[in-house]
Amino acid sequence: MQVCIVGGGKVGFYLAKTLLEHDHDPIVVEPSQEACERIANSLDIPVIVGDGTSAEVLEMAGCGNCHSLIAVTGQDENNLVACQLAKKVFKCKRTVARVNNPKNADVLKTLGVDITVSSTSNIVRILEREVETTAIRHLLNLAGGTASLVEIFLPDDFRYEGRSLTEIPIPENFNIVSITRNNEFIIPRGATKLFSQDKLVCVCLDEALHTIVRDWRLPNV
């Protein structure tokens, strides 16, 4: 998933690093040349020197090809403008704004920002919960947002086609609760095999889900 991050301070750097670790493709927009060089050297990702409230700068950043824009500058008004441009001009599916003053949260949402968040550490988790892919649908957040009940649709080219659960690498914190196959409801056991077009309901910790997405090669956005 391509994500444009407006703001390259500590929050933007942490966010880009975390998204990169989760197999997303972040690009950062930041007016400070020094901050841009630090991010580019540390993370080896595209960085644009410029004002994220400028349509021209966002166009240079390829905002039109991004699924989401996340604005995390220290100014709520700048975060609002960046999100509005992303939504109205570049047709981003999802906009997220860091809110430095919690009193502004409702105002930003009223003015078109999809998600407002004041707790920086939750931004990645919230964004990923909002994304519907062709393979995964989040049904319920559990354990304070660190775990999920998810529905996984196995694609036609599922790499473990016809193998039993005991033959498939599954993380410790990932549990398949049920399988639906051709309108048949299955409670899985170790010998149960998985096939393309199967629909799984699973309970898992977030890190285990990321492992499954990578190892099972599930389609991303």
N, C-alpha and C. Protein backbone atom coordinates (compact mmCIF):
# COMPACT_ATOMS: atom_id res chain seq x y z
N MET A 1 0.84 -1.19 0.00
CA MET A 1 0.00 0.00 0.00
C MET A 1 0.87 1.24 0.00
N GLN A 2 0.67 2.14 -0.94
CA GLN A 2 1.41 3.40 -1.00
C GLN A 2 0.76 4.42 -0.08
N VAL A 3 1.57 5.04 0.77
CA VAL A 3 1.08 6.00 1.74
C VAL A 3 1.94 7.25 1.70
N CYS A 4 1.31 8.40 1.59
CA CYS A 4 2.01 9.68 1.63
C CYS A 4 1.94 10.22 3.05
N ILE A 5 3.10 10.53 3.63
CA ILE A 5 3.17 11.08 4.98
C ILE A 5 3.60 12.54 4.89
N VAL A 6 2.77 13.43 5.39
CA VAL A 6 3.12 14.86 5.43
C VAL A 6 3.63 15.19 6.83
N GLY A 7 4.90 15.54 6.90
CA GLY A 7 5.53 15.81 8.19
C GLY A 7 6.63 14.80 8.46
N GLY A 8 7.86 15.29 8.52
CA GLY A 8 8.99 14.39 8.68
C GLY A 8 9.72 14.54 10.00
N GLY A 9 9.01 14.98 11.03
CA GLY A 9 9.61 15.06 12.36
C GLY A 9 9.70 13.67 12.98
N LYS A 10 9.77 13.63 14.30
CA LYS A 10 9.88 12.34 14.99
C LYS A 10 8.68 11.45 14.70
N VAL A 11 7.49 12.05 14.68
CA VAL A 11 6.29 11.26 14.42
C VAL A 11 6.29 10.71 13.01
N GLY A 12 6.61 11.56 12.02
CA GLY A 12 6.64 11.12 10.64
C GLY A 12 7.69 10.06 10.39
N PHE A 13 8.86 10.23 11.02
CA PHE A 13 9.93 9.24 10.87
C PHE A 13 9.49 7.89 11.44
N TYR A 14 8.95 7.90 12.66
CA TYR A 14 8.49 6.65 13.29
C TYR A 14 7.40 5.99 12.45
N LEU A 15 6.50 6.80 11.95
CA LEU A 15 5.39 6.28 11.15
C LEU A 15 5.90 5.63 9.86
N ALA A 16 6.81 6.32 9.16
CA ALA A 16 7.38 5.77 7.93
C ALA A 16 8.12 4.48 8.21
N LYS A 17 8.88 4.45 9.27
CA LYS A 17 9.64 3.25 9.64
C LYS A 17 8.71 2.07 9.92
N THR A 18 7.63 2.34 10.66
CA THR A 18 6.70 1.27 11.00
C THR A 18 5.95 0.77 9.77
N LEU A 19 5.51 1.68 8.91
CA LEU A 19 4.82 1.27 7.69
C LEU A 19 5.74 0.45 6.79
N LEU A 20 7.00 0.84 6.73
CA LEU A 20 7.97 0.11 5.93
C LEU A 20 8.15 -1.31 6.47
N GLU A 21 8.20 -1.44 7.78
CA GLU A 21 8.33 -2.75 8.40
C GLU A 21 7.11 -3.63 8.16
N HIS A 22 5.96 -2.99 7.91
CA HIS A 22 4.72 -3.73 7.65
C HIS A 22 4.47 -3.90 6.15
N ASP A 23 5.53 -3.73 5.36
CA ASP A 23 5.48 -3.99 3.91
C ASP A 23 4.64 -2.99 3.13
N HIS A 24 4.51 -1.77 3.65
CA HIS A 24 3.87 -0.71 2.89
C HIS A 24 4.94 0.15 2.23
N ASP A 25 4.53 1.06 1.38
CA ASP A 25 5.46 1.92 0.63
C ASP A 25 5.22 3.38 0.98
N PRO A 26 5.89 3.87 2.03
CA PRO A 26 5.69 5.27 2.43
C PRO A 26 6.56 6.23 1.63
N ILE A 27 6.03 7.43 1.45
CA ILE A 27 6.81 8.54 0.91
C ILE A 27 6.56 9.74 1.82
N VAL A 28 7.60 10.47 2.15
CA VAL A 28 7.49 11.54 3.15
C VAL A 28 7.64 12.90 2.47
N VAL A 29 6.80 13.83 2.88
CA VAL A 29 6.88 15.23 2.44
C VAL A 29 7.23 16.08 3.66
N GLU A 30 8.32 16.84 3.56
CA GLU A 30 8.81 17.59 4.72
C GLU A 30 9.57 18.83 4.22
N PRO A 31 9.28 20.02 4.78
CA PRO A 31 9.95 21.23 4.30
C PRO A 31 11.42 21.37 4.70
N SER A 32 11.83 20.68 5.75
CA SER A 32 13.21 20.80 6.23
C SER A 32 14.14 19.88 5.43
N GLN A 33 15.14 20.49 4.78
CA GLN A 33 16.13 19.72 4.02
C GLN A 33 16.88 18.75 4.92
N GLU A 34 17.23 19.22 6.11
CA GLU A 34 17.97 18.39 7.05
C GLU A 34 17.18 17.15 7.46
N ALA A 35 15.90 17.37 7.78
CA ALA A 35 15.05 16.24 8.18
C ALA A 35 14.88 15.26 7.03
N CYS A 36 14.74 15.77 5.81
CA CYS A 36 14.58 14.90 4.65
C CYS A 36 15.82 14.03 4.44
N GLU A 37 17.00 14.63 4.57
CA GLU A 37 18.23 13.87 4.40
C GLU A 37 18.35 12.78 5.46
N ARG A 38 17.95 13.11 6.69
CA ARG A 38 18.02 12.13 7.78
C ARG A 38 17.10 10.94 7.50
N ILE A 39 15.89 11.22 7.04
CA ILE A 39 14.94 10.14 6.75
C ILE A 39 15.41 9.31 5.57
N ALA A 40 15.85 9.98 4.51
CA ALA A 40 16.29 9.25 3.32
C ALA A 40 17.49 8.36 3.62
N ASN A 41 18.40 8.86 4.42
CA ASN A 41 19.60 8.07 4.75
C ASN A 41 19.29 6.91 5.69
N SER A 42 18.32 7.11 6.58
CA SER A 42 18.00 6.07 7.57
C SER A 42 17.09 4.99 7.02
N LEU A 43 16.12 5.39 6.19
CA LEU A 43 15.09 4.45 5.76
C LEU A 43 15.17 4.08 4.29
N ASP A 44 15.91 4.84 3.50
CA ASP A 44 16.03 4.58 2.07
C ASP A 44 14.66 4.53 1.40
N ILE A 45 13.88 5.60 1.62
CA ILE A 45 12.57 5.73 0.99
C ILE A 45 12.50 7.09 0.28
N PRO A 46 11.55 7.27 -0.64
CA PRO A 46 11.42 8.57 -1.30
C PRO A 46 11.04 9.67 -0.31
N VAL A 47 11.70 10.81 -0.42
CA VAL A 47 11.42 11.95 0.44
C VAL A 47 11.37 13.20 -0.43
N ILE A 48 10.33 13.99 -0.28
CA ILE A 48 10.15 15.22 -1.06
C ILE A 48 10.34 16.42 -0.14
N VAL A 49 11.25 17.33 -0.52
CA VAL A 49 11.44 18.56 0.24
C VAL A 49 10.40 19.57 -0.22
N GLY A 50 9.50 19.94 0.67
CA GLY A 50 8.47 20.90 0.29
C GLY A 50 7.35 20.98 1.30
N ASP A 51 6.41 21.85 1.01
CA ASP A 51 5.27 22.13 1.89
C ASP A 51 4.12 21.19 1.54
N GLY A 52 3.71 20.37 2.49
CA GLY A 52 2.64 19.39 2.25
C GLY A 52 1.26 19.99 2.09
N THR A 53 1.14 21.32 2.27
CA THR A 53 -0.15 21.97 2.02
C THR A 53 -0.22 22.52 0.60
N SER A 54 0.79 22.23 -0.21
CA SER A 54 0.84 22.68 -1.60
C SER A 54 0.46 21.53 -2.53
N ALA A 55 -0.50 21.79 -3.42
CA ALA A 55 -0.93 20.77 -4.37
C ALA A 55 0.22 20.36 -5.29
N GLU A 56 1.07 21.32 -5.66
CA GLU A 56 2.20 21.02 -6.54
C GLU A 56 3.17 20.06 -5.87
N VAL A 57 3.43 20.28 -4.58
CA VAL A 57 4.35 19.41 -3.85
C VAL A 57 3.75 18.02 -3.70
N LEU A 58 2.47 17.94 -3.38
CA LEU A 58 1.83 16.63 -3.25
C LEU A 58 1.80 15.89 -4.57
N GLU A 59 1.68 16.64 -5.67
CA GLU A 59 1.74 16.00 -6.98
C GLU A 59 3.13 15.43 -7.24
N MET A 60 4.17 16.17 -6.84
CA MET A 60 5.54 15.67 -6.97
C MET A 60 5.73 14.39 -6.16
N ALA A 61 5.03 14.29 -5.04
CA ALA A 61 5.15 13.12 -4.17
C ALA A 61 4.35 11.92 -4.68
N GLY A 62 3.62 12.12 -5.77
CA GLY A 62 2.82 11.03 -6.32
C GLY A 62 1.58 10.74 -5.50
N CYS A 63 1.02 11.77 -4.90
CA CYS A 63 -0.14 11.58 -4.03
C CYS A 63 -1.31 10.93 -4.75
N GLY A 64 -1.42 11.18 -6.05
CA GLY A 64 -2.51 10.60 -6.81
C GLY A 64 -2.44 9.09 -6.93
N ASN A 65 -1.26 8.52 -6.69
CA ASN A 65 -1.09 7.07 -6.75
C ASN A 65 -1.13 6.43 -5.36
N CYS A 66 -1.34 7.24 -4.33
CA CYS A 66 -1.33 6.73 -2.96
C CYS A 66 -2.73 6.34 -2.51
N HIS A 67 -2.80 5.27 -1.76
CA HIS A 67 -4.09 4.86 -1.18
C HIS A 67 -4.48 5.82 -0.07
N SER A 68 -3.51 6.28 0.71
CA SER A 68 -3.81 7.10 1.88
C SER A 68 -2.80 8.23 2.02
N LEU A 69 -3.25 9.30 2.67
CA LEU A 69 -2.35 10.36 3.11
C LEU A 69 -2.51 10.53 4.60
N ILE A 70 -1.37 10.60 5.30
CA ILE A 70 -1.37 10.81 6.74
C ILE A 70 -0.61 12.09 7.04
N ALA A 71 -1.27 13.06 7.63
CA ALA A 71 -0.65 14.34 7.95
C ALA A 71 -0.32 14.39 9.44
N VAL A 72 0.97 14.54 9.75
CA VAL A 72 1.41 14.47 11.15
C VAL A 72 2.31 15.65 11.51
N THR A 73 2.05 16.81 10.92
CA THR A 73 2.82 17.98 11.29
C THR A 73 2.39 18.46 12.67
N GLY A 74 3.08 19.45 13.17
CA GLY A 74 2.74 20.00 14.49
C GLY A 74 1.64 21.03 14.46
N GLN A 75 1.07 21.27 13.27
CA GLN A 75 0.02 22.27 13.11
C GLN A 75 -1.26 21.62 12.59
N ASP A 76 -2.31 21.68 13.39
CA ASP A 76 -3.57 21.04 12.99
C ASP A 76 -4.11 21.60 11.69
N GLU A 77 -3.94 22.93 11.49
CA GLU A 77 -4.47 23.54 10.28
C GLU A 77 -3.74 23.03 9.03
N ASN A 78 -2.44 22.79 9.15
CA ASN A 78 -1.69 22.23 8.02
C ASN A 78 -2.10 20.79 7.73
N ASN A 79 -2.34 20.04 8.78
CA ASN A 79 -2.80 18.66 8.61
C ASN A 79 -4.15 18.62 7.91
N LEU A 80 -5.02 19.56 8.26
CA LEU A 80 -6.34 19.65 7.64
C LEU A 80 -6.22 19.95 6.15
N VAL A 81 -5.43 20.94 5.80
CA VAL A 81 -5.29 21.34 4.39
C VAL A 81 -4.71 20.19 3.57
N ALA A 82 -3.69 19.53 4.10
CA ALA A 82 -3.07 18.42 3.38
C ALA A 82 -4.09 17.30 3.13
N CYS A 83 -4.90 17.00 4.13
CA CYS A 83 -5.92 15.95 3.98
C CYS A 83 -6.99 16.35 2.98
N GLN A 84 -7.40 17.62 3.01
CA GLN A 84 -8.42 18.08 2.07
C GLN A 84 -7.91 18.01 0.63
N LEU A 85 -6.65 18.41 0.41
CA LEU A 85 -6.08 18.32 -0.93
C LEU A 85 -6.00 16.86 -1.39
N ALA A 86 -5.58 16.00 -0.50
CA ALA A 86 -5.45 14.58 -0.85
C ALA A 86 -6.80 14.00 -1.25
N LYS A 87 -7.82 14.36 -0.54
CA LYS A 87 -9.15 13.80 -0.79
C LYS A 87 -9.80 14.41 -2.04
N LYS A 88 -9.77 15.73 -2.15
CA LYS A 88 -10.52 16.41 -3.21
C LYS A 88 -9.77 16.49 -4.53
N VAL A 89 -8.46 16.71 -4.46
CA VAL A 89 -7.67 16.90 -5.68
C VAL A 89 -7.08 15.58 -6.18
N PHE A 90 -6.55 14.76 -5.25
CA PHE A 90 -5.84 13.56 -5.65
C PHE A 90 -6.63 12.28 -5.42
N LYS A 91 -7.85 12.41 -4.89
CA LYS A 91 -8.77 11.28 -4.75
C LYS A 91 -8.21 10.14 -3.91
N CYS A 92 -7.44 10.45 -2.88
CA CYS A 92 -6.97 9.41 -1.96
C CYS A 92 -8.17 8.77 -1.26
N LYS A 93 -8.12 7.47 -1.09
CA LYS A 93 -9.25 6.78 -0.47
C LYS A 93 -9.37 7.08 1.02
N ARG A 94 -8.24 7.34 1.67
CA ARG A 94 -8.26 7.49 3.12
C ARG A 94 -7.33 8.61 3.54
N THR A 95 -7.80 9.49 4.42
CA THR A 95 -6.96 10.55 4.98
C THR A 95 -6.96 10.43 6.50
N VAL A 96 -5.79 10.62 7.08
CA VAL A 96 -5.61 10.53 8.53
C VAL A 96 -4.86 11.77 8.98
N ALA A 97 -5.34 12.42 10.02
CA ALA A 97 -4.68 13.62 10.54
C ALA A 97 -4.33 13.45 12.01
N ARG A 98 -3.10 13.75 12.32
CA ARG A 98 -2.70 13.85 13.72
C ARG A 98 -3.32 15.13 14.29
N VAL A 99 -3.93 15.01 15.46
CA VAL A 99 -4.55 16.17 16.11
C VAL A 99 -3.72 16.54 17.33
N ASN A 100 -3.09 17.70 17.26
CA ASN A 100 -2.27 18.15 18.37
C ASN A 100 -3.11 18.72 19.50
N ASN A 101 -4.23 19.34 19.14
CA ASN A 101 -5.19 19.84 20.13
C ASN A 101 -6.46 19.00 20.03
N PRO A 102 -6.72 18.13 21.02
CA PRO A 102 -7.89 17.22 20.94
C PRO A 102 -9.20 17.94 20.68
N LYS A 103 -9.29 19.22 21.03
CA LYS A 103 -10.52 19.97 20.80
C LYS A 103 -10.81 20.15 19.30
N ASN A 104 -9.78 19.99 18.48
CA ASN A 104 -9.96 20.18 17.04
C ASN A 104 -10.42 18.91 16.32
N ALA A 105 -10.46 17.80 17.01
CA ALA A 105 -10.75 16.52 16.36
C ALA A 105 -12.09 16.53 15.63
N ASP A 106 -13.14 16.98 16.29
CA ASP A 106 -14.46 16.99 15.67
C ASP A 106 -14.52 17.95 14.49
N VAL A 107 -13.82 19.07 14.60
CA VAL A 107 -13.81 20.06 13.52
C VAL A 107 -13.16 19.48 12.28
N LEU A 108 -12.02 18.81 12.46
CA LEU A 108 -11.33 18.23 11.31
C LEU A 108 -12.18 17.16 10.63
N LYS A 109 -12.89 16.36 11.42
CA LYS A 109 -13.73 15.32 10.82
C LYS A 109 -14.90 15.95 10.08
N THR A 110 -15.46 17.02 10.64
CA THR A 110 -16.55 17.73 9.97
C THR A 110 -16.10 18.30 8.64
N LEU A 111 -14.83 18.71 8.57
CA LEU A 111 -14.30 19.32 7.36
C LEU A 111 -13.71 18.30 6.38
N GLY A 112 -13.95 17.02 6.64
CA GLY A 112 -13.64 16.02 5.63
C GLY A 112 -12.53 15.04 5.91
N VAL A 113 -11.84 15.18 7.05
CA VAL A 113 -10.78 14.22 7.37
C VAL A 113 -11.42 12.91 7.80
N ASP A 114 -10.97 11.80 7.22
CA ASP A 114 -11.59 10.50 7.53
C ASP A 114 -11.32 10.06 8.96
N ILE A 115 -10.06 10.18 9.40
CA ILE A 115 -9.68 9.69 10.71
C ILE A 115 -8.82 10.74 11.40
N THR A 116 -9.14 11.05 12.64
CA THR A 116 -8.29 11.92 13.44
C THR A 116 -7.78 11.11 14.63
N VAL A 117 -6.52 11.31 14.96
CA VAL A 117 -5.93 10.55 16.05
C VAL A 117 -4.90 11.41 16.77
N SER A 118 -4.95 11.37 18.08
CA SER A 118 -4.00 12.15 18.88
C SER A 118 -2.91 11.28 19.46
N SER A 119 -3.11 9.98 19.50
CA SER A 119 -2.10 9.06 20.00
C SER A 119 -1.30 8.52 18.83
N THR A 120 -0.08 9.01 18.69
CA THR A 120 0.73 8.68 17.53
C THR A 120 0.95 7.19 17.36
N SER A 121 1.14 6.48 18.43
CA SER A 121 1.45 5.06 18.34
C SER A 121 0.32 4.24 17.75
N ASN A 122 -0.90 4.83 17.69
CA ASN A 122 -2.04 4.09 17.17
C ASN A 122 -2.32 4.36 15.70
N ILE A 123 -1.56 5.26 15.07
CA ILE A 123 -1.89 5.67 13.71
C ILE A 123 -1.80 4.50 12.73
N VAL A 124 -0.71 3.75 12.77
CA VAL A 124 -0.56 2.63 11.83
C VAL A 124 -1.67 1.61 12.02
N ARG A 125 -1.95 1.28 13.28
CA ARG A 125 -2.98 0.28 13.57
C ARG A 125 -4.35 0.73 13.07
N ILE A 126 -4.68 2.00 13.31
CA ILE A 126 -5.97 2.52 12.88
C ILE A 126 -6.06 2.52 11.36
N LEU A 127 -4.99 2.95 10.69
CA LEU A 127 -5.01 2.98 9.24
C LEU A 127 -5.23 1.59 8.67
N GLU A 128 -4.48 0.61 9.16
CA GLU A 128 -4.60 -0.73 8.63
C GLU A 128 -5.96 -1.34 8.91
N ARG A 129 -6.59 -0.98 10.02
CA ARG A 129 -7.92 -1.51 10.32
C ARG A 129 -8.95 -0.94 9.34
N GLU A 130 -8.68 0.26 8.78
CA GLU A 130 -9.64 0.90 7.88
C GLU A 130 -9.51 0.39 6.45
N VAL A 131 -8.41 -0.30 6.16
CA VAL A 131 -8.15 -0.72 4.79
C VAL A 131 -8.79 -2.08 4.52
N GLU A 132 -9.63 -2.13 3.50
CA GLU A 132 -10.21 -3.40 3.06
C GLU A 132 -9.41 -3.89 1.86
N THR A 133 -8.75 -5.02 1.95
CA THR A 133 -8.03 -5.58 0.83
C THR A 133 -8.89 -6.63 0.18
N THR A 134 -8.37 -7.18 -0.92
CA THR A 134 -9.12 -8.24 -1.61
C THR A 134 -9.07 -9.54 -0.84
N ALA A 135 -8.19 -9.64 0.14
CA ALA A 135 -8.00 -10.91 0.84
C ALA A 135 -8.39 -10.86 2.31
N ILE A 136 -8.33 -9.70 2.94
CA ILE A 136 -8.52 -9.62 4.40
C ILE A 136 -9.57 -8.57 4.75
N ARG A 137 -10.44 -8.95 5.66
CA ARG A 137 -11.43 -7.99 6.18
C ARG A 137 -11.43 -8.05 7.69
N HIS A 138 -11.19 -6.91 8.34
CA HIS A 138 -11.20 -6.86 9.80
C HIS A 138 -12.65 -6.85 10.30
N LEU A 139 -12.95 -7.75 11.19
CA LEU A 139 -14.30 -7.86 11.73
C LEU A 139 -14.45 -7.22 13.09
N LEU A 140 -13.39 -7.34 13.92
CA LEU A 140 -13.49 -6.86 15.30
C LEU A 140 -12.10 -6.63 15.87
N ASN A 141 -11.94 -5.50 16.60
CA ASN A 141 -10.69 -5.25 17.32
C ASN A 141 -10.77 -5.90 18.70
N LEU A 142 -9.68 -6.51 19.12
CA LEU A 142 -9.62 -7.19 20.41
C LEU A 142 -8.40 -6.74 21.20
N ALA A 143 -8.43 -6.98 22.50
CA ALA A 143 -7.27 -6.75 23.38
C ALA A 143 -6.72 -5.34 23.23
N GLY A 144 -7.62 -4.36 23.29
CA GLY A 144 -7.18 -2.97 23.23
C GLY A 144 -6.59 -2.58 21.90
N GLY A 145 -6.94 -3.30 20.85
CA GLY A 145 -6.45 -2.97 19.52
C GLY A 145 -5.19 -3.68 19.10
N THR A 146 -4.67 -4.58 19.93
CA THR A 146 -3.45 -5.31 19.58
C THR A 146 -3.75 -6.64 18.88
N ALA A 147 -5.01 -7.02 18.87
CA ALA A 147 -5.41 -8.28 18.23
C ALA A 147 -6.69 -8.04 17.43
N SER A 148 -7.03 -9.01 16.58
CA SER A 148 -8.18 -8.83 15.69
C SER A 148 -8.90 -10.15 15.44
N LEU A 149 -10.18 -10.02 15.13
CA LEU A 149 -10.95 -11.08 14.51
C LEU A 149 -11.03 -10.71 13.04
N VAL A 150 -10.48 -11.54 12.15
CA VAL A 150 -10.42 -11.19 10.74
C VAL A 150 -11.00 -12.30 9.87
N GLU A 151 -11.42 -11.90 8.69
CA GLU A 151 -11.88 -12.83 7.67
C GLU A 151 -10.87 -12.82 6.53
N ILE A 152 -10.37 -13.98 6.16
CA ILE A 152 -9.37 -14.09 5.10
C ILE A 152 -9.94 -14.93 3.96
N PHE A 153 -9.87 -14.37 2.75
CA PHE A 153 -10.35 -15.08 1.56
C PHE A 153 -9.12 -15.55 0.79
N LEU A 154 -8.96 -16.86 0.65
CA LEU A 154 -7.77 -17.40 0.01
C LEU A 154 -7.86 -17.24 -1.51
N PRO A 155 -6.85 -16.65 -2.12
CA PRO A 155 -6.89 -16.35 -3.56
C PRO A 155 -6.71 -17.59 -4.42
N ASP A 156 -6.93 -17.42 -5.72
CA ASP A 156 -6.83 -18.54 -6.66
C ASP A 156 -5.42 -19.13 -6.69
N ASP A 157 -4.41 -18.29 -6.46
CA ASP A 157 -3.03 -18.78 -6.51
C ASP A 157 -2.47 -19.03 -5.11
N PHE A 158 -3.32 -19.45 -4.19
CA PHE A 158 -2.88 -19.70 -2.82
C PHE A 158 -1.70 -20.67 -2.81
N ARG A 159 -0.61 -20.25 -2.18
CA ARG A 159 0.64 -21.01 -2.31
C ARG A 159 0.63 -22.36 -1.58
N TYR A 160 -0.30 -22.52 -0.60
CA TYR A 160 -0.36 -23.79 0.13
C TYR A 160 -1.60 -24.60 -0.25
N GLU A 161 -2.02 -24.45 -1.48
CA GLU A 161 -3.20 -25.15 -1.99
C GLU A 161 -3.16 -26.64 -1.69
N GLY A 162 -4.21 -27.15 -1.03
CA GLY A 162 -4.35 -28.57 -0.79
C GLY A 162 -3.51 -29.13 0.35
N ARG A 163 -2.81 -28.28 1.07
CA ARG A 163 -2.00 -28.77 2.20
C ARG A 163 -2.80 -28.71 3.50
N SER A 164 -2.47 -29.60 4.40
CA SER A 164 -3.14 -29.62 5.70
C SER A 164 -2.56 -28.54 6.60
N LEU A 165 -3.29 -28.18 7.64
CA LEU A 165 -2.83 -27.14 8.55
C LEU A 165 -1.51 -27.51 9.22
N THR A 166 -1.29 -28.79 9.44
CA THR A 166 -0.02 -29.21 10.05
C THR A 166 1.15 -29.04 9.10
N GLU A 167 0.87 -28.90 7.81
CA GLU A 167 1.93 -28.73 6.81
C GLU A 167 2.17 -27.27 6.46
N ILE A 168 1.32 -26.39 6.96
CA ILE A 168 1.41 -24.97 6.62
C ILE A 168 2.02 -24.20 7.79
N PRO A 169 3.03 -23.37 7.55
CA PRO A 169 3.60 -22.57 8.64
C PRO A 169 2.60 -21.54 9.14
N ILE A 170 2.21 -21.65 10.40
CA ILE A 170 1.24 -20.73 11.01
C ILE A 170 1.84 -20.21 12.31
N PRO A 171 1.89 -18.89 12.51
CA PRO A 171 2.46 -18.33 13.73
C PRO A 171 1.71 -18.79 14.98
N GLU A 172 2.40 -18.75 16.09
CA GLU A 172 1.81 -19.21 17.36
C GLU A 172 0.58 -18.41 17.74
N ASN A 173 0.58 -17.11 17.47
CA ASN A 173 -0.52 -16.24 17.89
C ASN A 173 -1.54 -16.02 16.77
N PHE A 174 -1.72 -17.04 15.94
CA PHE A 174 -2.69 -16.99 14.85
C PHE A 174 -3.52 -18.26 14.89
N ASN A 175 -4.84 -18.12 15.05
CA ASN A 175 -5.70 -19.28 15.20
C ASN A 175 -6.87 -19.22 14.21
N ILE A 176 -7.01 -20.27 13.40
CA ILE A 176 -8.12 -20.35 12.45
C ILE A 176 -9.33 -20.92 13.18
N VAL A 177 -10.38 -20.13 13.29
CA VAL A 177 -11.58 -20.51 14.04
C VAL A 177 -12.52 -21.35 13.19
N SER A 178 -12.70 -20.95 11.93
CA SER A 178 -13.63 -21.68 11.06
C SER A 178 -13.24 -21.50 9.61
N ILE A 179 -13.74 -22.41 8.77
CA ILE A 179 -13.53 -22.36 7.33
C ILE A 179 -14.89 -22.52 6.66
N THR A 180 -15.18 -21.67 5.70
CA THR A 180 -16.38 -21.82 4.89
C THR A 180 -15.96 -22.18 3.48
N ARG A 181 -16.49 -23.31 2.98
CA ARG A 181 -16.11 -23.79 1.65
C ARG A 181 -17.37 -24.29 0.93
N ASN A 182 -17.72 -23.59 -0.15
CA ASN A 182 -18.91 -23.97 -0.92
C ASN A 182 -20.13 -24.13 -0.02
N ASN A 183 -20.35 -23.14 0.84
CA ASN A 183 -21.47 -23.10 1.78
C ASN A 183 -21.39 -24.15 2.88
N GLU A 184 -20.27 -24.87 2.96
CA GLU A 184 -20.05 -25.83 4.05
C GLU A 184 -19.24 -25.16 5.16
N PHE A 185 -19.71 -25.28 6.39
CA PHE A 185 -19.02 -24.70 7.53
C PHE A 185 -18.14 -25.76 8.19
N ILE A 186 -16.85 -25.46 8.33
CA ILE A 186 -15.89 -26.46 8.81
C ILE A 186 -15.18 -25.93 10.06
N ILE A 187 -15.16 -26.75 11.11
CA ILE A 187 -14.31 -26.47 12.28
C ILE A 187 -12.98 -27.16 12.02
N PRO A 188 -11.91 -26.41 11.85
CA PRO A 188 -10.65 -27.02 11.40
C PRO A 188 -9.94 -27.83 12.48
N ARG A 189 -9.25 -28.85 12.02
CA ARG A 189 -8.35 -29.65 12.83
C ARG A 189 -7.00 -29.69 12.12
N GLY A 190 -6.02 -30.33 12.71
CA GLY A 190 -4.69 -30.36 12.11
C GLY A 190 -4.65 -30.96 10.72
N ALA A 191 -5.52 -31.96 10.47
CA ALA A 191 -5.52 -32.63 9.17
C ALA A 191 -6.35 -31.89 8.12
N THR A 192 -7.07 -30.85 8.54
CA THR A 192 -7.90 -30.09 7.60
C THR A 192 -7.02 -29.40 6.55
N LYS A 193 -7.42 -29.51 5.29
CA LYS A 193 -6.67 -28.90 4.21
C LYS A 193 -7.29 -27.56 3.80
N LEU A 194 -6.44 -26.68 3.28
CA LEU A 194 -6.90 -25.38 2.80
C LEU A 194 -6.84 -25.34 1.28
N PHE A 195 -7.86 -24.68 0.69
CA PHE A 195 -7.94 -24.56 -0.76
C PHE A 195 -8.28 -23.12 -1.14
N SER A 196 -7.93 -22.75 -2.37
CA SER A 196 -8.31 -21.44 -2.87
C SER A 196 -9.82 -21.29 -2.81
N GLN A 197 -10.26 -20.07 -2.59
CA GLN A 197 -11.67 -19.72 -2.43
C GLN A 197 -12.21 -20.04 -1.05
N ASP A 198 -11.40 -20.67 -0.18
CA ASP A 198 -11.84 -20.87 1.20
C ASP A 198 -11.94 -19.51 1.91
N LYS A 199 -12.92 -19.40 2.78
CA LYS A 199 -13.07 -18.20 3.60
C LYS A 199 -12.80 -18.58 5.05
N LEU A 200 -11.74 -17.99 5.63
CA LEU A 200 -11.33 -18.31 7.00
C LEU A 200 -11.72 -17.20 7.95
N VAL A 201 -12.17 -17.58 9.13
CA VAL A 201 -12.34 -16.62 10.22
C VAL A 201 -11.24 -16.92 11.23
N CYS A 202 -10.46 -15.92 11.57
CA CYS A 202 -9.26 -16.14 12.39
C CYS A 202 -9.18 -15.13 13.52
N VAL A 203 -8.57 -15.54 14.62
CA VAL A 203 -8.22 -14.65 15.73
C VAL A 203 -6.72 -14.58 15.79
N CYS A 204 -6.17 -13.36 15.87
CA CYS A 204 -4.71 -13.25 15.80
C CYS A 204 -4.21 -11.94 16.40
N LEU A 205 -2.97 -11.96 16.82
CA LEU A 205 -2.28 -10.73 17.16
C LEU A 205 -1.84 -10.06 15.86
N ASP A 206 -1.68 -8.74 15.90
CA ASP A 206 -1.37 -8.00 14.68
C ASP A 206 -0.09 -8.49 14.02
N GLU A 207 0.95 -8.72 14.81
CA GLU A 207 2.22 -9.15 14.22
C GLU A 207 2.08 -10.50 13.52
N ALA A 208 1.27 -11.38 14.09
CA ALA A 208 1.04 -12.68 13.45
C ALA A 208 0.32 -12.51 12.11
N LEU A 209 -0.61 -11.57 12.05
CA LEU A 209 -1.33 -11.31 10.81
C LEU A 209 -0.38 -10.81 9.73
N HIS A 210 0.53 -9.92 10.11
CA HIS A 210 1.52 -9.43 9.14
C HIS A 210 2.37 -10.57 8.61
N THR A 211 2.72 -11.50 9.48
CA THR A 211 3.51 -12.67 9.06
C THR A 211 2.73 -13.51 8.06
N ILE A 212 1.45 -13.73 8.33
CA ILE A 212 0.59 -14.51 7.43
C ILE A 212 0.49 -13.84 6.07
N VAL A 213 0.28 -12.54 6.05
CA VAL A 213 0.14 -11.81 4.78
C VAL A 213 1.40 -11.99 3.94
N ARG A 214 2.57 -11.88 4.58
CA ARG A 214 3.82 -12.04 3.84
C ARG A 214 4.02 -13.48 3.38
N ASP A 215 3.87 -14.43 4.31
CA ASP A 215 4.20 -15.81 3.99
C ASP A 215 3.19 -16.45 3.05
N TRP A 216 1.90 -16.14 3.21
CA TRP A 216 0.88 -16.70 2.35
C TRP A 216 0.75 -15.92 1.04
N ARG A 217 1.48 -14.80 0.95
CA ARG A 217 1.46 -13.95 -0.24
C ARG A 217 0.04 -13.51 -0.60
N LEU A 218 -0.65 -13.00 0.42
CA LEU A 218 -2.02 -12.54 0.19
C LEU A 218 -2.00 -11.20 -0.53
N PRO A 219 -2.98 -10.95 -1.39
CA PRO A 219 -3.01 -9.70 -2.15
C PRO A 219 -3.11 -8.50 -1.21
N ASN A 220 -2.36 -7.44 -1.53
CA ASN A 220 -2.44 -6.19 -0.78
C ASN A 220 -3.24 -5.20 -1.60
N VAL A 221 -3.35 -3.99 -1.03
CA VAL A 221 -4.12 -2.97 -1.73
C VAL A 221 -3.39 -2.53 -3.00
